[in-house]
Amino acid sequence: MTLTKQNIESLLVLCQNENQMAQLEVYNRYQKAMFNVAVRIVKDSAEAEDVMQESFITAFAKLSSFKGDATFGSWLKRIVVNNAITQYKKSKRFVGWPEEGIKDEIDESYDGLTDEDYTHTKASEVMRCMESLNENYRAVLTLHFIEGFDYEEICDILKITNANCRTMISRAKESLRKKLIVTT
């Protein structure tokens, strides 16, 4: 059986034994998706490439800590997101997450964008509007809607409270909604 036909679990066993061909196969399977994750956060393809490669090195070095509770892809994605956020902060483009002035209570009944309001809005238009959002809003919406992280995971990644996370997502949705209304 060639490496390209093996399932990921058997490849990971080979990777733990430092089989470079297995590592290359795992890299080839996941590199495009992980690059896309990184580039959405760091906003620079060269930096995203570096983040992605460093993340694979970290993943292979810490493969013994992979418990299999989640898929390997989601475990690797978490490493990429954390490394991308760290790189983004280092590049001095990161605007700090607001700690003060955010209400701990938000209107839970409002869930932001509704399907009926935006059934005809094109995905490219939504992405263009997201790009024009404040850095914090764009980052939190990217993590939530595009990367699929839940509130708890976003709190862990960004090191913010649950109340701050919910408030930020709510405000980001509202800001996006207003931008979409202006463009439609």
N, C-alpha and C. Protein backbone atom coordinates (compact mmCIF):
# COMPACT_ATOMS: atom_id res chain seq x y z
N MET A 1 0.86 -1.19 0.00
CA MET A 1 0.00 0.00 0.00
C MET A 1 0.89 1.25 0.00
N THR A 2 0.63 2.15 -0.90
CA THR A 2 1.43 3.37 -0.96
C THR A 2 0.97 4.33 0.13
N LEU A 3 1.81 5.31 0.45
CA LEU A 3 1.48 6.28 1.49
C LEU A 3 0.26 7.11 1.12
N THR A 4 0.05 7.36 -0.16
CA THR A 4 -1.07 8.20 -0.57
C THR A 4 -2.42 7.52 -0.34
N LYS A 5 -2.43 6.21 -0.21
CA LYS A 5 -3.68 5.49 0.00
C LYS A 5 -3.90 5.13 1.46
N GLN A 6 -2.94 5.40 2.32
CA GLN A 6 -3.10 5.07 3.73
C GLN A 6 -3.99 6.09 4.43
N ASN A 7 -4.69 5.61 5.46
CA ASN A 7 -5.51 6.55 6.21
C ASN A 7 -4.62 7.38 7.13
N ILE A 8 -5.17 8.46 7.64
CA ILE A 8 -4.37 9.42 8.39
C ILE A 8 -3.81 8.82 9.68
N GLU A 9 -4.57 7.92 10.32
CA GLU A 9 -4.10 7.33 11.57
C GLU A 9 -2.80 6.56 11.37
N SER A 10 -2.74 5.75 10.32
CA SER A 10 -1.52 4.98 10.08
C SER A 10 -0.37 5.89 9.65
N LEU A 11 -0.69 6.96 8.93
CA LEU A 11 0.35 7.93 8.57
C LEU A 11 0.92 8.61 9.81
N LEU A 12 0.05 8.94 10.76
CA LEU A 12 0.51 9.60 11.98
C LEU A 12 1.42 8.70 12.81
N VAL A 13 1.15 7.41 12.80
CA VAL A 13 2.04 6.46 13.49
C VAL A 13 3.42 6.50 12.83
N LEU A 14 3.44 6.50 11.52
CA LEU A 14 4.72 6.59 10.80
C LEU A 14 5.42 7.92 11.08
N CYS A 15 4.64 8.99 11.17
CA CYS A 15 5.20 10.31 11.45
C CYS A 15 5.85 10.34 12.84
N GLN A 16 5.23 9.67 13.81
CA GLN A 16 5.81 9.62 15.15
C GLN A 16 7.15 8.90 15.13
N ASN A 17 7.32 8.00 14.19
CA ASN A 17 8.59 7.30 14.03
C ASN A 17 9.54 8.08 13.11
N GLU A 18 9.20 9.32 12.86
CA GLU A 18 10.01 10.26 12.06
C GLU A 18 10.21 9.80 10.62
N ASN A 19 9.20 9.16 10.07
CA ASN A 19 9.22 8.77 8.67
C ASN A 19 8.96 10.03 7.83
N GLN A 20 9.97 10.49 7.12
CA GLN A 20 9.85 11.74 6.37
C GLN A 20 8.88 11.63 5.20
N MET A 21 8.76 10.48 4.61
CA MET A 21 7.81 10.32 3.52
C MET A 21 6.37 10.44 4.04
N ALA A 22 6.13 9.89 5.22
CA ALA A 22 4.80 10.00 5.83
C ALA A 22 4.52 11.46 6.20
N GLN A 23 5.53 12.16 6.73
CA GLN A 23 5.36 13.57 7.07
C GLN A 23 5.06 14.39 5.81
N LEU A 24 5.73 14.08 4.73
CA LEU A 24 5.48 14.78 3.47
C LEU A 24 4.06 14.52 2.98
N GLU A 25 3.59 13.29 3.12
CA GLU A 25 2.23 12.96 2.69
C GLU A 25 1.20 13.72 3.54
N VAL A 26 1.40 13.78 4.86
CA VAL A 26 0.50 14.53 5.74
C VAL A 26 0.54 16.01 5.36
N TYR A 27 1.73 16.53 5.13
CA TYR A 27 1.89 17.93 4.72
C TYR A 27 1.11 18.20 3.43
N ASN A 28 1.28 17.33 2.46
CA ASN A 28 0.60 17.51 1.17
C ASN A 28 -0.92 17.46 1.30
N ARG A 29 -1.41 16.64 2.21
CA ARG A 29 -2.86 16.53 2.40
C ARG A 29 -3.47 17.78 3.05
N TYR A 30 -2.72 18.43 3.92
CA TYR A 30 -3.29 19.50 4.73
C TYR A 30 -2.75 20.90 4.43
N GLN A 31 -1.70 21.02 3.64
CA GLN A 31 -1.03 22.31 3.50
C GLN A 31 -1.91 23.40 2.87
N LYS A 32 -2.72 23.09 1.89
CA LYS A 32 -3.56 24.12 1.26
C LYS A 32 -4.58 24.68 2.24
N ALA A 33 -5.24 23.81 2.95
CA ALA A 33 -6.25 24.26 3.92
C ALA A 33 -5.61 25.06 5.04
N MET A 34 -4.45 24.63 5.53
CA MET A 34 -3.79 25.33 6.63
C MET A 34 -3.22 26.67 6.17
N PHE A 35 -2.78 26.73 4.92
CA PHE A 35 -2.32 28.01 4.37
C PHE A 35 -3.49 29.00 4.33
N ASN A 36 -4.65 28.52 3.87
CA ASN A 36 -5.83 29.39 3.80
C ASN A 36 -6.23 29.91 5.17
N VAL A 37 -6.15 29.06 6.18
CA VAL A 37 -6.45 29.49 7.55
C VAL A 37 -5.48 30.58 7.97
N ALA A 38 -4.20 30.35 7.74
CA ALA A 38 -3.17 31.31 8.16
C ALA A 38 -3.28 32.63 7.42
N VAL A 39 -3.51 32.60 6.12
CA VAL A 39 -3.55 33.83 5.33
C VAL A 39 -4.75 34.69 5.71
N ARG A 40 -5.84 34.06 6.12
CA ARG A 40 -7.00 34.85 6.54
C ARG A 40 -6.73 35.62 7.83
N ILE A 41 -5.79 35.14 8.62
CA ILE A 41 -5.48 35.81 9.88
C ILE A 41 -4.33 36.80 9.72
N VAL A 42 -3.24 36.40 9.10
CA VAL A 42 -2.06 37.28 9.02
C VAL A 42 -2.11 38.25 7.84
N LYS A 43 -2.97 38.00 6.87
CA LYS A 43 -3.20 38.89 5.72
C LYS A 43 -1.97 39.09 4.83
N ASP A 44 -1.06 38.13 4.84
CA ASP A 44 0.12 38.22 4.00
C ASP A 44 0.52 36.79 3.62
N SER A 45 0.65 36.54 2.33
CA SER A 45 0.90 35.16 1.90
C SER A 45 2.26 34.63 2.33
N ALA A 46 3.28 35.47 2.35
CA ALA A 46 4.61 35.02 2.79
C ALA A 46 4.59 34.67 4.28
N GLU A 47 3.97 35.53 5.08
CA GLU A 47 3.85 35.25 6.51
C GLU A 47 3.00 34.01 6.74
N ALA A 48 1.94 33.85 5.97
CA ALA A 48 1.06 32.69 6.11
C ALA A 48 1.83 31.41 5.80
N GLU A 49 2.67 31.45 4.79
CA GLU A 49 3.49 30.29 4.43
C GLU A 49 4.42 29.93 5.60
N ASP A 50 5.05 30.94 6.20
CA ASP A 50 5.93 30.70 7.35
C ASP A 50 5.14 30.12 8.52
N VAL A 51 3.99 30.70 8.80
CA VAL A 51 3.15 30.22 9.90
C VAL A 51 2.76 28.77 9.67
N MET A 52 2.36 28.47 8.44
CA MET A 52 1.93 27.12 8.11
C MET A 52 3.07 26.13 8.31
N GLN A 53 4.25 26.46 7.82
CA GLN A 53 5.38 25.55 7.93
C GLN A 53 5.80 25.36 9.39
N GLU A 54 5.83 26.46 10.15
CA GLU A 54 6.16 26.36 11.57
C GLU A 54 5.13 25.50 12.30
N SER A 55 3.89 25.62 11.90
CA SER A 55 2.82 24.85 12.53
C SER A 55 2.99 23.36 12.26
N PHE A 56 3.37 23.00 11.04
CA PHE A 56 3.61 21.59 10.75
C PHE A 56 4.80 21.07 11.55
N ILE A 57 5.85 21.86 11.67
CA ILE A 57 7.01 21.45 12.47
C ILE A 57 6.58 21.21 13.91
N THR A 58 5.80 22.15 14.45
CA THR A 58 5.29 22.00 15.82
C THR A 58 4.42 20.76 15.95
N ALA A 59 3.54 20.57 14.99
CA ALA A 59 2.63 19.42 15.04
C ALA A 59 3.41 18.10 15.02
N PHE A 60 4.39 18.00 14.14
CA PHE A 60 5.16 16.76 14.08
C PHE A 60 5.98 16.55 15.36
N ALA A 61 6.49 17.64 15.93
CA ALA A 61 7.27 17.53 17.16
C ALA A 61 6.39 17.14 18.36
N LYS A 62 5.14 17.57 18.34
CA LYS A 62 4.23 17.32 19.47
C LYS A 62 3.16 16.29 19.14
N LEU A 63 3.42 15.48 18.15
CA LEU A 63 2.44 14.49 17.72
C LEU A 63 2.06 13.53 18.84
N SER A 64 2.97 13.30 19.76
CA SER A 64 2.66 12.39 20.88
C SER A 64 1.57 12.97 21.78
N SER A 65 1.37 14.29 21.74
CA SER A 65 0.32 14.89 22.58
C SER A 65 -1.05 14.86 21.88
N PHE A 66 -1.09 14.44 20.63
CA PHE A 66 -2.36 14.31 19.92
C PHE A 66 -3.08 13.08 20.44
N LYS A 67 -4.21 13.31 21.09
CA LYS A 67 -4.93 12.22 21.75
C LYS A 67 -6.01 11.60 20.88
N GLY A 68 -6.35 12.22 19.77
CA GLY A 68 -7.36 11.68 18.90
C GLY A 68 -8.78 12.02 19.32
N ASP A 69 -8.94 12.93 20.31
CA ASP A 69 -10.28 13.36 20.71
C ASP A 69 -10.98 14.09 19.58
N ALA A 70 -10.22 14.82 18.81
CA ALA A 70 -10.72 15.53 17.63
C ALA A 70 -9.99 14.95 16.42
N THR A 71 -10.38 15.39 15.24
CA THR A 71 -9.65 14.93 14.06
C THR A 71 -8.27 15.56 14.03
N PHE A 72 -7.37 14.93 13.33
CA PHE A 72 -6.02 15.49 13.21
C PHE A 72 -6.09 16.86 12.56
N GLY A 73 -6.95 17.01 11.55
CA GLY A 73 -7.08 18.29 10.85
C GLY A 73 -7.50 19.42 11.78
N SER A 74 -8.44 19.15 12.67
CA SER A 74 -8.87 20.21 13.58
C SER A 74 -7.80 20.51 14.62
N TRP A 75 -7.06 19.50 15.05
CA TRP A 75 -5.95 19.70 15.98
C TRP A 75 -4.86 20.56 15.32
N LEU A 76 -4.53 20.24 14.09
CA LEU A 76 -3.54 21.00 13.34
C LEU A 76 -4.03 22.42 13.09
N LYS A 77 -5.30 22.56 12.76
CA LYS A 77 -5.88 23.88 12.51
C LYS A 77 -5.76 24.77 13.74
N ARG A 78 -5.95 24.20 14.91
CA ARG A 78 -5.83 24.96 16.16
C ARG A 78 -4.40 25.47 16.33
N ILE A 79 -3.42 24.65 16.00
CA ILE A 79 -2.01 25.05 16.07
C ILE A 79 -1.77 26.20 15.08
N VAL A 80 -2.29 26.07 13.87
CA VAL A 80 -2.12 27.11 12.85
C VAL A 80 -2.76 28.43 13.30
N VAL A 81 -3.96 28.36 13.82
CA VAL A 81 -4.64 29.58 14.27
C VAL A 81 -3.85 30.25 15.39
N ASN A 82 -3.41 29.48 16.37
CA ASN A 82 -2.63 30.06 17.47
C ASN A 82 -1.33 30.68 16.97
N ASN A 83 -0.63 29.99 16.07
CA ASN A 83 0.62 30.53 15.53
C ASN A 83 0.36 31.77 14.67
N ALA A 84 -0.74 31.76 13.92
CA ALA A 84 -1.06 32.91 13.07
C ALA A 84 -1.38 34.13 13.92
N ILE A 85 -2.13 33.94 14.98
CA ILE A 85 -2.46 35.06 15.86
C ILE A 85 -1.20 35.60 16.53
N THR A 86 -0.33 34.71 16.96
CA THR A 86 0.95 35.13 17.55
C THR A 86 1.76 35.93 16.55
N GLN A 87 1.85 35.45 15.32
CA GLN A 87 2.59 36.16 14.28
C GLN A 87 1.96 37.51 13.98
N TYR A 88 0.65 37.55 13.94
CA TYR A 88 -0.06 38.79 13.65
C TYR A 88 0.23 39.82 14.73
N LYS A 89 0.26 39.39 15.99
CA LYS A 89 0.57 40.29 17.10
C LYS A 89 2.00 40.80 16.99
N LYS A 90 2.92 39.91 16.62
CA LYS A 90 4.32 40.29 16.48
C LYS A 90 4.54 41.33 15.39
N SER A 91 3.72 41.28 14.35
CA SER A 91 3.92 42.18 13.23
C SER A 91 3.41 43.59 13.51
N LYS A 92 2.94 43.81 14.72
CA LYS A 92 2.51 45.14 15.19
C LYS A 92 1.27 45.66 14.48
N ARG A 93 0.63 44.82 13.72
CA ARG A 93 -0.60 45.25 13.06
C ARG A 93 -1.81 44.91 13.91
N PHE A 94 -1.58 44.18 14.97
CA PHE A 94 -2.69 43.70 15.79
C PHE A 94 -3.18 44.81 16.70
N VAL A 95 -4.48 45.05 16.66
CA VAL A 95 -5.09 46.02 17.55
C VAL A 95 -5.58 45.24 18.76
N GLY A 96 -5.21 45.69 19.95
CA GLY A 96 -5.55 44.97 21.17
C GLY A 96 -7.03 44.75 21.34
N TRP A 97 -7.38 43.65 21.95
CA TRP A 97 -8.77 43.34 22.22
C TRP A 97 -9.26 44.23 23.34
N PRO A 98 -10.40 44.85 23.19
CA PRO A 98 -10.88 45.75 24.22
C PRO A 98 -11.19 45.00 25.51
N GLU A 99 -10.65 45.47 26.61
CA GLU A 99 -10.90 44.84 27.89
C GLU A 99 -11.90 45.64 28.71
N GLU A 100 -11.88 46.95 28.54
CA GLU A 100 -12.75 47.79 29.33
C GLU A 100 -13.84 48.37 28.45
N GLY A 101 -14.93 48.72 29.08
CA GLY A 101 -15.99 49.39 28.35
C GLY A 101 -16.96 48.47 27.63
N ILE A 102 -16.73 47.19 27.73
CA ILE A 102 -17.64 46.26 27.08
C ILE A 102 -18.63 45.79 28.14
N LYS A 103 -19.89 45.90 27.82
CA LYS A 103 -20.91 45.45 28.75
C LYS A 103 -20.83 43.93 28.88
N ASP A 104 -21.05 43.46 30.10
CA ASP A 104 -21.07 42.02 30.33
C ASP A 104 -22.39 41.41 29.90
N GLU A 105 -23.39 42.26 29.65
CA GLU A 105 -24.69 41.75 29.24
C GLU A 105 -24.93 42.17 27.80
N ILE A 106 -25.43 41.25 27.01
CA ILE A 106 -25.78 41.56 25.64
C ILE A 106 -27.18 41.03 25.37
N ASP A 107 -27.76 41.51 24.33
CA ASP A 107 -29.10 41.06 23.96
C ASP A 107 -28.98 39.72 23.27
N GLU A 108 -29.27 38.65 23.99
CA GLU A 108 -29.16 37.30 23.46
C GLU A 108 -30.21 37.01 22.40
N SER A 109 -31.28 37.79 22.37
CA SER A 109 -32.34 37.51 21.41
C SER A 109 -31.96 37.90 19.99
N TYR A 110 -30.98 38.79 19.84
CA TYR A 110 -30.56 39.22 18.51
C TYR A 110 -29.43 38.32 18.05
N ASP A 111 -29.62 37.64 16.94
CA ASP A 111 -28.56 36.76 16.45
C ASP A 111 -27.92 37.28 15.18
N GLY A 112 -28.08 38.54 14.89
CA GLY A 112 -27.37 39.16 13.77
C GLY A 112 -28.03 38.93 12.44
N LEU A 113 -27.25 38.54 11.47
CA LEU A 113 -27.71 38.38 10.10
C LEU A 113 -28.74 37.28 10.01
N THR A 114 -29.80 37.54 9.28
CA THR A 114 -30.83 36.52 9.09
C THR A 114 -30.81 36.06 7.64
N ASP A 115 -31.23 34.84 7.45
CA ASP A 115 -31.24 34.27 6.10
C ASP A 115 -32.15 35.06 5.16
N GLU A 116 -33.29 35.46 5.66
CA GLU A 116 -34.24 36.14 4.78
C GLU A 116 -33.73 37.51 4.32
N ASP A 117 -32.90 38.16 5.14
CA ASP A 117 -32.37 39.46 4.76
C ASP A 117 -31.32 39.36 3.66
N TYR A 118 -30.58 38.25 3.63
CA TYR A 118 -29.41 38.19 2.77
C TYR A 118 -29.39 36.98 1.84
N THR A 119 -30.53 36.50 1.47
CA THR A 119 -30.56 35.34 0.59
C THR A 119 -29.96 35.65 -0.78
N HIS A 120 -30.00 36.91 -1.19
CA HIS A 120 -29.50 37.28 -2.50
C HIS A 120 -28.10 37.92 -2.43
N THR A 121 -27.55 38.04 -1.25
CA THR A 121 -26.23 38.63 -1.11
C THR A 121 -25.18 37.60 -1.49
N LYS A 122 -24.28 37.99 -2.35
CA LYS A 122 -23.25 37.07 -2.81
C LYS A 122 -22.15 36.94 -1.75
N ALA A 123 -21.55 35.75 -1.70
CA ALA A 123 -20.50 35.49 -0.73
C ALA A 123 -19.33 36.45 -0.92
N SER A 124 -18.99 36.77 -2.16
CA SER A 124 -17.88 37.68 -2.40
C SER A 124 -18.16 39.07 -1.84
N GLU A 125 -19.43 39.48 -1.89
CA GLU A 125 -19.81 40.78 -1.33
C GLU A 125 -19.68 40.76 0.19
N VAL A 126 -20.08 39.66 0.80
CA VAL A 126 -19.95 39.54 2.25
C VAL A 126 -18.47 39.57 2.64
N MET A 127 -17.64 38.83 1.90
CA MET A 127 -16.21 38.81 2.21
C MET A 127 -15.59 40.19 2.02
N ARG A 128 -16.01 40.91 0.98
CA ARG A 128 -15.48 42.26 0.75
C ARG A 128 -15.85 43.17 1.92
N CYS A 129 -17.10 43.07 2.38
CA CYS A 129 -17.54 43.87 3.52
C CYS A 129 -16.80 43.47 4.80
N MET A 130 -16.54 42.18 4.95
CA MET A 130 -15.78 41.73 6.14
C MET A 130 -14.38 42.32 6.14
N GLU A 131 -13.79 42.42 4.95
CA GLU A 131 -12.44 42.98 4.85
C GLU A 131 -12.39 44.44 5.30
N SER A 132 -13.52 45.13 5.18
CA SER A 132 -13.54 46.55 5.56
C SER A 132 -13.86 46.76 7.03
N LEU A 133 -14.13 45.68 7.76
CA LEU A 133 -14.44 45.80 9.18
C LEU A 133 -13.18 46.11 10.00
N ASN A 134 -13.40 46.60 11.19
CA ASN A 134 -12.35 46.78 12.18
C ASN A 134 -11.60 45.45 12.33
N GLU A 135 -10.29 45.51 12.57
CA GLU A 135 -9.45 44.31 12.67
C GLU A 135 -10.02 43.30 13.68
N ASN A 136 -10.45 43.79 14.84
CA ASN A 136 -10.98 42.89 15.88
C ASN A 136 -12.24 42.19 15.39
N TYR A 137 -13.12 42.93 14.77
CA TYR A 137 -14.37 42.36 14.28
C TYR A 137 -14.11 41.35 13.18
N ARG A 138 -13.23 41.71 12.26
CA ARG A 138 -12.91 40.80 11.16
C ARG A 138 -12.32 39.50 11.70
N ALA A 139 -11.42 39.61 12.67
CA ALA A 139 -10.77 38.42 13.23
C ALA A 139 -11.78 37.51 13.92
N VAL A 140 -12.64 38.09 14.73
CA VAL A 140 -13.59 37.27 15.48
C VAL A 140 -14.63 36.64 14.55
N LEU A 141 -15.07 37.36 13.52
CA LEU A 141 -16.02 36.77 12.57
C LEU A 141 -15.36 35.69 11.73
N THR A 142 -14.10 35.89 11.38
CA THR A 142 -13.36 34.87 10.63
C THR A 142 -13.26 33.59 11.44
N LEU A 143 -12.88 33.73 12.72
CA LEU A 143 -12.77 32.55 13.56
C LEU A 143 -14.12 31.86 13.74
N HIS A 144 -15.17 32.65 13.88
CA HIS A 144 -16.48 32.06 14.16
C HIS A 144 -17.16 31.50 12.91
N PHE A 145 -17.29 32.31 11.86
CA PHE A 145 -18.05 31.89 10.69
C PHE A 145 -17.23 31.12 9.67
N ILE A 146 -16.02 31.53 9.42
CA ILE A 146 -15.23 30.88 8.37
C ILE A 146 -14.50 29.66 8.91
N GLU A 147 -13.85 29.82 10.07
CA GLU A 147 -13.10 28.70 10.63
C GLU A 147 -13.98 27.76 11.45
N GLY A 148 -15.16 28.23 11.85
CA GLY A 148 -16.11 27.36 12.53
C GLY A 148 -15.89 27.15 14.01
N PHE A 149 -15.10 28.02 14.65
CA PHE A 149 -14.88 27.87 16.08
C PHE A 149 -16.09 28.36 16.85
N ASP A 150 -16.41 27.69 17.97
CA ASP A 150 -17.51 28.15 18.81
C ASP A 150 -16.98 29.21 19.78
N TYR A 151 -17.89 29.79 20.56
CA TYR A 151 -17.52 30.89 21.47
C TYR A 151 -16.43 30.47 22.45
N GLU A 152 -16.55 29.30 23.00
CA GLU A 152 -15.58 28.83 23.99
C GLU A 152 -14.18 28.71 23.37
N GLU A 153 -14.11 28.16 22.17
CA GLU A 153 -12.82 28.02 21.49
C GLU A 153 -12.23 29.39 21.15
N ILE A 154 -13.07 30.32 20.73
CA ILE A 154 -12.60 31.68 20.42
C ILE A 154 -12.05 32.33 21.69
N CYS A 155 -12.74 32.15 22.81
CA CYS A 155 -12.26 32.69 24.09
C CYS A 155 -10.88 32.15 24.42
N ASP A 156 -10.68 30.84 24.23
CA ASP A 156 -9.38 30.23 24.50
C ASP A 156 -8.30 30.77 23.56
N ILE A 157 -8.63 30.87 22.30
CA ILE A 157 -7.66 31.31 21.30
C ILE A 157 -7.24 32.76 21.54
N LEU A 158 -8.24 33.63 21.78
CA LEU A 158 -7.97 35.06 21.90
C LEU A 158 -7.71 35.50 23.34
N LYS A 159 -7.85 34.59 24.27
CA LYS A 159 -7.63 34.88 25.69
C LYS A 159 -8.55 36.02 26.15
N ILE A 160 -9.83 35.88 25.86
CA ILE A 160 -10.83 36.86 26.29
C ILE A 160 -11.94 36.13 27.03
N THR A 161 -12.73 36.90 27.77
CA THR A 161 -13.83 36.30 28.52
C THR A 161 -14.97 35.94 27.58
N ASN A 162 -15.85 35.09 28.07
CA ASN A 162 -17.02 34.69 27.28
C ASN A 162 -17.89 35.90 26.98
N ALA A 163 -18.07 36.78 27.97
CA ALA A 163 -18.88 37.98 27.76
C ALA A 163 -18.28 38.88 26.68
N ASN A 164 -16.95 39.06 26.72
CA ASN A 164 -16.29 39.87 25.70
C ASN A 164 -16.44 39.24 24.32
N CYS A 165 -16.31 37.93 24.26
CA CYS A 165 -16.44 37.22 22.99
C CYS A 165 -17.83 37.41 22.41
N ARG A 166 -18.84 37.17 23.21
CA ARG A 166 -20.22 37.31 22.74
C ARG A 166 -20.53 38.74 22.32
N THR A 167 -20.05 39.68 23.09
CA THR A 167 -20.28 41.09 22.76
C THR A 167 -19.58 41.46 21.46
N MET A 168 -18.34 41.01 21.33
CA MET A 168 -17.57 41.33 20.13
C MET A 168 -18.21 40.72 18.89
N ILE A 169 -18.66 39.48 18.99
CA ILE A 169 -19.30 38.84 17.84
C ILE A 169 -20.61 39.55 17.51
N SER A 170 -21.36 39.90 18.52
CA SER A 170 -22.62 40.61 18.30
C SER A 170 -22.39 41.95 17.61
N ARG A 171 -21.41 42.69 18.10
CA ARG A 171 -21.09 43.99 17.50
C ARG A 171 -20.53 43.84 16.09
N ALA A 172 -19.73 42.81 15.89
CA ALA A 172 -19.16 42.56 14.56
C ALA A 172 -20.25 42.22 13.56
N LYS A 173 -21.21 41.39 13.97
CA LYS A 173 -22.34 41.05 13.10
C LYS A 173 -23.13 42.30 12.74
N GLU A 174 -23.38 43.14 13.74
CA GLU A 174 -24.15 44.36 13.51
C GLU A 174 -23.40 45.29 12.55
N SER A 175 -22.10 45.41 12.74
CA SER A 175 -21.30 46.25 11.85
C SER A 175 -21.33 45.70 10.43
N LEU A 176 -21.19 44.38 10.29
CA LEU A 176 -21.25 43.74 8.97
C LEU A 176 -22.61 43.94 8.34
N ARG A 177 -23.66 43.76 9.14
CA ARG A 177 -25.02 43.95 8.62
C ARG A 177 -25.20 45.35 8.08
N LYS A 178 -24.71 46.36 8.80
CA LYS A 178 -24.85 47.74 8.35
C LYS A 178 -24.08 47.97 7.05
N LYS A 179 -22.89 47.40 6.93
CA LYS A 179 -22.10 47.54 5.70
C LYS A 179 -22.80 46.86 4.53
N LEU A 180 -23.42 45.72 4.78
CA LEU A 180 -24.12 45.01 3.72
C LEU A 180 -25.36 45.77 3.27
N ILE A 181 -26.05 46.41 4.19
CA ILE A 181 -27.23 47.20 3.84
C ILE A 181 -26.85 48.36 2.95
N VAL A 182 -25.71 49.00 3.24
CA VAL A 182 -25.25 50.14 2.45
C VAL A 182 -24.89 49.71 1.04
N THR A 183 -24.33 48.51 0.90
CA THR A 183 -23.87 48.06 -0.43
C THR A 183 -24.98 47.43 -1.26
N THR A 184 -26.11 47.08 -0.63
CA THR A 184 -27.17 46.43 -1.41
C THR A 184 -28.20 47.42 -1.89
